[in-house]
């Protein structure tokens, strides 16, 4: 998967099985990735994906890239 293939409100799984909900509007228009509970209660994003496909947490690079995400569904748009 590439950055341009991420869908707004798409549900994606990390390799460890955790699911995240993508929402366009991160820094410079990239995607913020929310834990489902944070999404439901309008909490902060856990991760952010940048234009190069890196996934960061609080600005710190993680081991994951967008290519590691697997699309598993769609979330209800609440934001």
N, C-alpha and C. Protein backbone atom coordinates (compact mmCIF):
# COMPACT_ATOMS: atom_id res chain seq x y z
N UNK A 1 0.84 -1.17 0.00
CA UNK A 1 0.00 0.00 0.00
C UNK A 1 0.89 1.24 0.00
N UNK A 2 0.46 2.26 -0.73
CA UNK A 2 1.18 3.53 -0.79
C UNK A 2 0.34 4.60 -0.10
N UNK A 3 0.95 5.73 0.20
CA UNK A 3 0.25 6.82 0.89
C UNK A 3 -0.99 7.25 0.11
N UNK A 4 -0.88 7.33 -1.22
CA UNK A 4 -2.03 7.78 -2.02
C UNK A 4 -3.15 6.76 -2.08
N UNK A 5 -2.96 5.58 -1.52
CA UNK A 5 -3.99 4.55 -1.49
C UNK A 5 -4.77 4.52 -0.17
N UNK A 6 -4.36 5.32 0.79
CA UNK A 6 -5.07 5.38 2.08
C UNK A 6 -6.40 6.09 1.86
N UNK A 7 -7.45 5.52 2.43
CA UNK A 7 -8.78 6.11 2.34
C UNK A 7 -9.14 6.83 3.64
N UNK A 8 -9.75 8.00 3.50
CA UNK A 8 -10.24 8.71 4.69
C UNK A 8 -11.28 7.82 5.37
N UNK A 9 -11.16 7.65 6.64
CA UNK A 9 -12.02 6.80 7.47
C UNK A 9 -11.82 5.31 7.20
N UNK A 10 -10.73 4.95 6.53
CA UNK A 10 -10.41 3.55 6.34
C UNK A 10 -9.85 2.95 7.63
N UNK A 11 -10.13 1.68 7.84
CA UNK A 11 -9.61 0.97 9.01
C UNK A 11 -8.46 0.10 8.52
N UNK A 12 -7.31 0.24 9.17
CA UNK A 12 -6.09 -0.46 8.76
C UNK A 12 -5.50 -1.21 9.94
N UNK A 13 -4.91 -2.35 9.66
CA UNK A 13 -4.26 -3.15 10.70
C UNK A 13 -2.75 -3.05 10.56
N UNK A 14 -2.08 -2.85 11.69
CA UNK A 14 -0.62 -2.91 11.74
C UNK A 14 -0.21 -4.38 11.72
N UNK A 15 1.04 -4.69 11.44
CA UNK A 15 1.48 -6.08 11.45
C UNK A 15 1.23 -6.81 12.77
N UNK A 16 1.19 -6.06 13.89
CA UNK A 16 0.93 -6.71 15.18
C UNK A 16 -0.55 -6.91 15.46
N UNK A 17 -1.42 -6.54 14.49
CA UNK A 17 -2.86 -6.77 14.62
C UNK A 17 -3.66 -5.59 15.13
N UNK A 18 -3.00 -4.57 15.67
CA UNK A 18 -3.74 -3.41 16.15
C UNK A 18 -4.38 -2.69 14.97
N UNK A 19 -5.62 -2.25 15.18
CA UNK A 19 -6.33 -1.54 14.13
C UNK A 19 -6.30 -0.04 14.37
N UNK A 20 -6.22 0.71 13.28
CA UNK A 20 -6.16 2.17 13.31
C UNK A 20 -7.12 2.72 12.27
N UNK A 21 -7.66 3.90 12.54
CA UNK A 21 -8.55 4.57 11.60
C UNK A 21 -7.82 5.78 11.03
N UNK A 22 -7.78 5.87 9.71
CA UNK A 22 -7.08 6.96 9.03
C UNK A 22 -8.02 8.15 8.82
N UNK A 23 -7.48 9.34 9.03
CA UNK A 23 -8.25 10.57 8.79
C UNK A 23 -7.33 11.60 8.16
N UNK A 24 -7.74 12.09 6.99
CA UNK A 24 -6.94 13.09 6.28
C UNK A 24 -6.95 14.38 7.09
N UNK A 25 -5.83 15.07 7.10
CA UNK A 25 -5.78 16.32 7.82
C UNK A 25 -4.63 16.41 8.79
N UNK A 26 -3.73 15.47 8.69
CA UNK A 26 -2.54 15.54 9.53
C UNK A 26 -1.66 16.68 9.05
N UNK A 27 -0.52 16.80 9.65
CA UNK A 27 0.43 17.84 9.29
C UNK A 27 0.68 17.82 7.79
N UNK A 28 0.59 18.96 7.13
CA UNK A 28 0.80 19.10 5.70
C UNK A 28 -0.18 18.28 4.88
N UNK A 29 -1.36 17.98 5.44
CA UNK A 29 -2.39 17.26 4.70
C UNK A 29 -2.22 15.76 4.66
N UNK A 30 -1.33 15.20 5.46
CA UNK A 30 -1.15 13.76 5.47
C UNK A 30 -2.19 13.13 6.37
N UNK A 31 -2.04 11.86 6.67
CA UNK A 31 -3.05 11.15 7.45
C UNK A 31 -2.68 11.00 8.91
N UNK A 32 -3.67 11.23 9.77
CA UNK A 32 -3.54 10.89 11.18
C UNK A 32 -4.17 9.51 11.34
N UNK A 33 -3.61 8.72 12.24
CA UNK A 33 -4.08 7.36 12.47
C UNK A 33 -4.52 7.23 13.92
N UNK A 34 -5.80 6.92 14.11
CA UNK A 34 -6.41 6.90 15.43
C UNK A 34 -6.69 5.49 15.91
N UNK A 35 -6.49 5.26 17.20
CA UNK A 35 -6.97 4.06 17.86
C UNK A 35 -8.50 4.14 17.78
N UNK A 36 -9.21 3.01 17.60
CA UNK A 36 -10.67 3.07 17.50
C UNK A 36 -11.37 3.78 18.66
N UNK A 37 -10.89 3.62 19.89
CA UNK A 37 -11.52 4.32 21.02
C UNK A 37 -11.26 5.82 20.95
N UNK A 38 -10.06 6.22 20.57
CA UNK A 38 -9.77 7.65 20.40
C UNK A 38 -10.64 8.23 19.31
N UNK A 39 -10.87 7.48 18.24
CA UNK A 39 -11.73 7.93 17.15
C UNK A 39 -13.16 8.13 17.66
N UNK A 40 -13.66 7.13 18.38
CA UNK A 40 -15.04 7.17 18.88
C UNK A 40 -15.28 8.36 19.79
N UNK A 41 -14.31 8.66 20.66
CA UNK A 41 -14.48 9.73 21.64
C UNK A 41 -13.71 11.00 21.29
N UNK A 42 -13.29 11.12 20.03
CA UNK A 42 -12.60 12.29 19.51
C UNK A 42 -11.32 12.62 20.28
N UNK A 43 -10.59 11.57 20.61
CA UNK A 43 -9.30 11.73 21.27
C UNK A 43 -8.19 12.01 20.27
N UNK A 44 -6.97 12.12 20.75
CA UNK A 44 -5.84 12.44 19.86
C UNK A 44 -5.42 11.25 19.01
N UNK A 45 -4.80 11.56 17.89
CA UNK A 45 -4.26 10.52 17.01
C UNK A 45 -3.05 9.87 17.67
N UNK A 46 -2.90 8.58 17.46
CA UNK A 46 -1.78 7.84 18.00
C UNK A 46 -0.57 7.95 17.07
N UNK A 47 -0.83 7.91 15.77
CA UNK A 47 0.22 7.93 14.76
C UNK A 47 -0.12 8.93 13.66
N UNK A 48 0.88 9.19 12.82
CA UNK A 48 0.68 10.02 11.64
C UNK A 48 1.51 9.43 10.51
N UNK A 49 0.95 9.41 9.30
CA UNK A 49 1.67 8.94 8.12
C UNK A 49 2.07 10.15 7.29
N UNK A 50 3.34 10.20 6.86
CA UNK A 50 3.80 11.34 6.07
C UNK A 50 3.84 10.99 4.58
N UNK A 51 4.21 11.94 3.74
CA UNK A 51 4.21 11.76 2.29
C UNK A 51 5.17 10.68 1.82
N UNK A 52 6.23 10.42 2.58
CA UNK A 52 7.18 9.38 2.20
C UNK A 52 6.76 7.99 2.69
N UNK A 53 5.63 7.90 3.38
CA UNK A 53 5.14 6.61 3.85
C UNK A 53 5.62 6.22 5.24
N UNK A 54 6.33 7.11 5.91
CA UNK A 54 6.78 6.82 7.28
C UNK A 54 5.61 6.99 8.24
N UNK A 55 5.56 6.15 9.25
CA UNK A 55 4.56 6.28 10.30
C UNK A 55 5.30 6.73 11.56
N UNK A 56 4.85 7.86 12.11
CA UNK A 56 5.48 8.41 13.31
C UNK A 56 4.48 8.43 14.45
N UNK A 57 5.00 8.48 15.66
CA UNK A 57 4.19 8.61 16.86
C UNK A 57 4.76 9.78 17.66
N UNK A 58 3.97 10.81 17.82
CA UNK A 58 4.40 12.03 18.50
C UNK A 58 5.67 12.59 17.86
N UNK A 59 5.76 12.47 16.53
CA UNK A 59 6.90 12.98 15.79
C UNK A 59 8.11 12.07 15.77
N UNK A 60 8.04 10.95 16.48
CA UNK A 60 9.16 10.01 16.54
C UNK A 60 8.90 8.87 15.56
N UNK A 61 9.85 8.56 14.68
CA UNK A 61 9.65 7.46 13.73
C UNK A 61 9.38 6.13 14.44
N UNK A 62 8.50 5.34 13.84
CA UNK A 62 8.24 3.98 14.34
C UNK A 62 8.94 3.00 13.40
N UNK A 63 8.77 1.72 13.66
CA UNK A 63 9.33 0.68 12.80
C UNK A 63 8.48 0.47 11.55
N UNK A 64 7.26 1.04 11.53
CA UNK A 64 6.32 0.76 10.46
C UNK A 64 6.32 1.83 9.38
N UNK A 65 5.90 1.38 8.21
CA UNK A 65 5.69 2.26 7.07
C UNK A 65 4.27 1.99 6.55
N UNK A 66 3.77 2.87 5.71
CA UNK A 66 2.44 2.70 5.16
C UNK A 66 2.31 1.34 4.47
N UNK A 67 3.37 0.88 3.85
CA UNK A 67 3.35 -0.43 3.17
C UNK A 67 3.03 -1.57 4.12
N UNK A 68 3.24 -1.37 5.42
CA UNK A 68 2.96 -2.41 6.41
C UNK A 68 1.49 -2.49 6.79
N UNK A 69 0.70 -1.48 6.44
CA UNK A 69 -0.72 -1.45 6.80
C UNK A 69 -1.53 -2.35 5.87
N UNK A 70 -2.56 -2.97 6.44
CA UNK A 70 -3.48 -3.79 5.65
C UNK A 70 -4.89 -3.22 5.87
N UNK A 71 -5.56 -2.88 4.79
CA UNK A 71 -6.92 -2.33 4.92
C UNK A 71 -7.87 -3.44 5.33
N UNK A 72 -8.66 -3.15 6.38
CA UNK A 72 -9.60 -4.17 6.89
C UNK A 72 -11.04 -3.68 6.93
N UNK A 73 -11.30 -2.43 6.56
CA UNK A 73 -12.69 -1.95 6.58
C UNK A 73 -12.79 -0.45 6.52
N UNK A 74 -14.00 0.03 6.83
CA UNK A 74 -14.28 1.46 6.83
C UNK A 74 -14.93 1.83 8.17
N UNK A 75 -14.58 3.01 8.67
CA UNK A 75 -15.16 3.50 9.93
C UNK A 75 -16.24 4.53 9.59
N UNK A 76 -17.11 4.72 10.53
CA UNK A 76 -18.12 5.75 10.39
C UNK A 76 -17.44 7.11 10.55
N UNK A 77 -17.70 8.02 9.63
CA UNK A 77 -17.11 9.36 9.68
C UNK A 77 -17.75 10.14 10.80
N UNK A 78 -16.97 10.49 11.82
CA UNK A 78 -17.50 11.23 12.97
C UNK A 78 -16.79 12.54 13.20
N UNK A 79 -15.72 12.81 12.53
CA UNK A 79 -14.92 13.98 12.81
C UNK A 79 -15.32 15.16 12.01
